[in-house]
Amino acid sequence: MASSVAKVLVFAGSAREGSLNKQLAKLAARRIEALGGKATFSDLKAYPLPAVR
């Protein structure tokens, strides 16, 4: 029987480099990994998104 590992996609709603939300999202991803889960951090800055006004 295969063990079940939680897989979580983590991202912040900000593309700004110094964003507190991005820092917290990275911290959450590290904690998930430390607790035995599989976390994927996705940076919105890597994707060409239209600017929202």
N, C-alpha and C. Protein backbone atom coordinates (compact mmCIF):
# COMPACT_ATOMS: atom_id res chain seq x y z
N MET A 1 0.84 -1.18 0.00
CA MET A 1 0.00 0.00 0.00
C MET A 1 0.88 1.25 0.00
N ALA A 2 0.66 2.15 -0.91
CA ALA A 2 1.45 3.37 -1.01
C ALA A 2 1.05 4.37 0.06
N SER A 3 2.04 5.07 0.59
CA SER A 3 1.73 6.08 1.61
C SER A 3 1.21 7.35 0.93
N SER A 4 0.37 8.04 1.63
CA SER A 4 -0.24 9.25 1.09
C SER A 4 0.57 10.47 1.56
N VAL A 5 1.02 11.26 0.60
CA VAL A 5 1.78 12.48 0.90
C VAL A 5 0.97 13.66 0.41
N ALA A 6 0.79 14.64 1.29
CA ALA A 6 0.05 15.85 0.90
C ALA A 6 0.88 16.63 -0.13
N LYS A 7 0.24 17.01 -1.22
CA LYS A 7 0.88 17.82 -2.25
C LYS A 7 0.17 19.17 -2.29
N VAL A 8 0.95 20.25 -2.10
CA VAL A 8 0.37 21.58 -1.97
C VAL A 8 1.06 22.55 -2.91
N LEU A 9 0.28 23.30 -3.66
CA LEU A 9 0.79 24.39 -4.48
C LEU A 9 0.71 25.66 -3.65
N VAL A 10 1.84 26.35 -3.49
CA VAL A 10 1.90 27.55 -2.66
C VAL A 10 2.29 28.73 -3.53
N PHE A 11 1.51 29.81 -3.45
CA PHE A 11 1.86 31.04 -4.16
C PHE A 11 1.29 32.24 -3.41
N ALA A 12 1.87 33.39 -3.65
CA ALA A 12 1.38 34.64 -3.06
C ALA A 12 0.68 35.43 -4.14
N GLY A 13 -0.24 36.26 -3.74
CA GLY A 13 -0.99 37.07 -4.70
C GLY A 13 -0.25 38.33 -5.11
N SER A 14 1.05 38.38 -4.89
CA SER A 14 1.84 39.55 -5.23
C SER A 14 3.05 39.12 -6.05
N ALA A 15 3.39 39.91 -7.05
CA ALA A 15 4.58 39.64 -7.85
C ALA A 15 5.75 40.52 -7.40
N ARG A 16 5.50 41.41 -6.45
CA ARG A 16 6.54 42.33 -5.98
C ARG A 16 7.63 41.55 -5.24
N GLU A 17 8.88 41.89 -5.49
CA GLU A 17 10.02 41.15 -4.95
C GLU A 17 10.04 41.13 -3.41
N GLY A 18 9.79 42.23 -2.75
CA GLY A 18 9.89 42.28 -1.30
C GLY A 18 8.59 42.02 -0.57
N SER A 19 7.64 41.42 -1.22
CA SER A 19 6.31 41.22 -0.67
C SER A 19 6.33 40.35 0.60
N LEU A 20 5.68 40.81 1.65
CA LEU A 20 5.56 40.03 2.87
C LEU A 20 4.77 38.75 2.60
N ASN A 21 3.73 38.84 1.79
CA ASN A 21 2.94 37.65 1.46
C ASN A 21 3.79 36.59 0.76
N LYS A 22 4.69 37.02 -0.11
CA LYS A 22 5.57 36.07 -0.80
C LYS A 22 6.53 35.42 0.19
N GLN A 23 7.03 36.19 1.12
CA GLN A 23 7.93 35.64 2.15
C GLN A 23 7.19 34.60 3.00
N LEU A 24 5.95 34.90 3.36
CA LEU A 24 5.16 33.97 4.16
C LEU A 24 4.82 32.70 3.37
N ALA A 25 4.56 32.85 2.08
CA ALA A 25 4.27 31.69 1.24
C ALA A 25 5.49 30.78 1.15
N LYS A 26 6.68 31.36 1.00
CA LYS A 26 7.91 30.57 0.96
C LYS A 26 8.13 29.85 2.29
N LEU A 27 7.85 30.54 3.39
CA LEU A 27 7.97 29.93 4.71
C LEU A 27 7.00 28.75 4.84
N ALA A 28 5.77 28.95 4.39
CA ALA A 28 4.78 27.87 4.45
C ALA A 28 5.24 26.66 3.64
N ALA A 29 5.82 26.89 2.47
CA ALA A 29 6.31 25.79 1.64
C ALA A 29 7.42 25.03 2.35
N ARG A 30 8.32 25.75 3.00
CA ARG A 30 9.40 25.09 3.74
C ARG A 30 8.85 24.27 4.90
N ARG A 31 7.85 24.78 5.59
CA ARG A 31 7.26 24.06 6.73
C ARG A 31 6.54 22.80 6.26
N ILE A 32 5.84 22.89 5.14
CA ILE A 32 5.16 21.72 4.58
C ILE A 32 6.18 20.62 4.29
N GLU A 33 7.28 21.01 3.66
CA GLU A 33 8.34 20.05 3.35
C GLU A 33 8.92 19.45 4.63
N ALA A 34 9.14 20.29 5.64
CA ALA A 34 9.72 19.82 6.91
C ALA A 34 8.80 18.82 7.61
N LEU A 35 7.51 18.95 7.39
CA LEU A 35 6.54 18.07 8.03
C LEU A 35 6.21 16.84 7.19
N GLY A 36 6.93 16.66 6.07
CA GLY A 36 6.76 15.45 5.28
C GLY A 36 5.87 15.58 4.07
N GLY A 37 5.38 16.77 3.79
CA GLY A 37 4.54 16.98 2.61
C GLY A 37 5.38 17.36 1.41
N LYS A 38 4.73 17.54 0.29
CA LYS A 38 5.39 17.97 -0.95
C LYS A 38 4.82 19.33 -1.33
N ALA A 39 5.66 20.37 -1.28
CA ALA A 39 5.21 21.72 -1.58
C ALA A 39 5.88 22.22 -2.86
N THR A 40 5.09 22.87 -3.70
CA THR A 40 5.61 23.52 -4.90
C THR A 40 5.31 25.00 -4.78
N PHE A 41 6.37 25.83 -4.71
CA PHE A 41 6.19 27.28 -4.65
C PHE A 41 6.21 27.81 -6.07
N SER A 42 5.20 28.59 -6.40
CA SER A 42 5.11 29.19 -7.73
C SER A 42 5.14 30.71 -7.58
N ASP A 43 6.08 31.33 -8.27
CA ASP A 43 6.22 32.79 -8.22
C ASP A 43 5.46 33.40 -9.40
N LEU A 44 4.47 34.22 -9.11
CA LEU A 44 3.66 34.82 -10.17
C LEU A 44 4.48 35.72 -11.09
N LYS A 45 5.64 36.18 -10.61
CA LYS A 45 6.50 37.03 -11.43
C LYS A 45 7.04 36.26 -12.66
N ALA A 46 7.03 34.95 -12.58
CA ALA A 46 7.55 34.12 -13.67
C ALA A 46 6.56 33.98 -14.83
N TYR A 47 5.34 34.47 -14.66
CA TYR A 47 4.31 34.31 -15.68
C TYR A 47 3.89 35.69 -16.23
N PRO A 48 3.73 35.81 -17.52
CA PRO A 48 3.32 37.09 -18.10
C PRO A 48 1.81 37.33 -17.88
N LEU A 49 1.50 38.04 -16.82
CA LEU A 49 0.10 38.32 -16.48
C LEU A 49 -0.22 39.78 -16.81
N PRO A 50 -1.44 40.05 -17.25
CA PRO A 50 -1.81 41.45 -17.50
C PRO A 50 -1.90 42.22 -16.19
N ALA A 51 -1.59 43.48 -16.25
CA ALA A 51 -1.66 44.33 -15.06
C ALA A 51 -3.14 44.57 -14.72
N VAL A 52 -3.45 44.46 -13.47
CA VAL A 52 -4.81 44.68 -13.00
C VAL A 52 -4.89 46.07 -12.41
N ARG A 53 -5.89 46.81 -12.84
CA ARG A 53 -6.06 48.19 -12.33
C ARG A 53 -7.19 48.25 -11.38
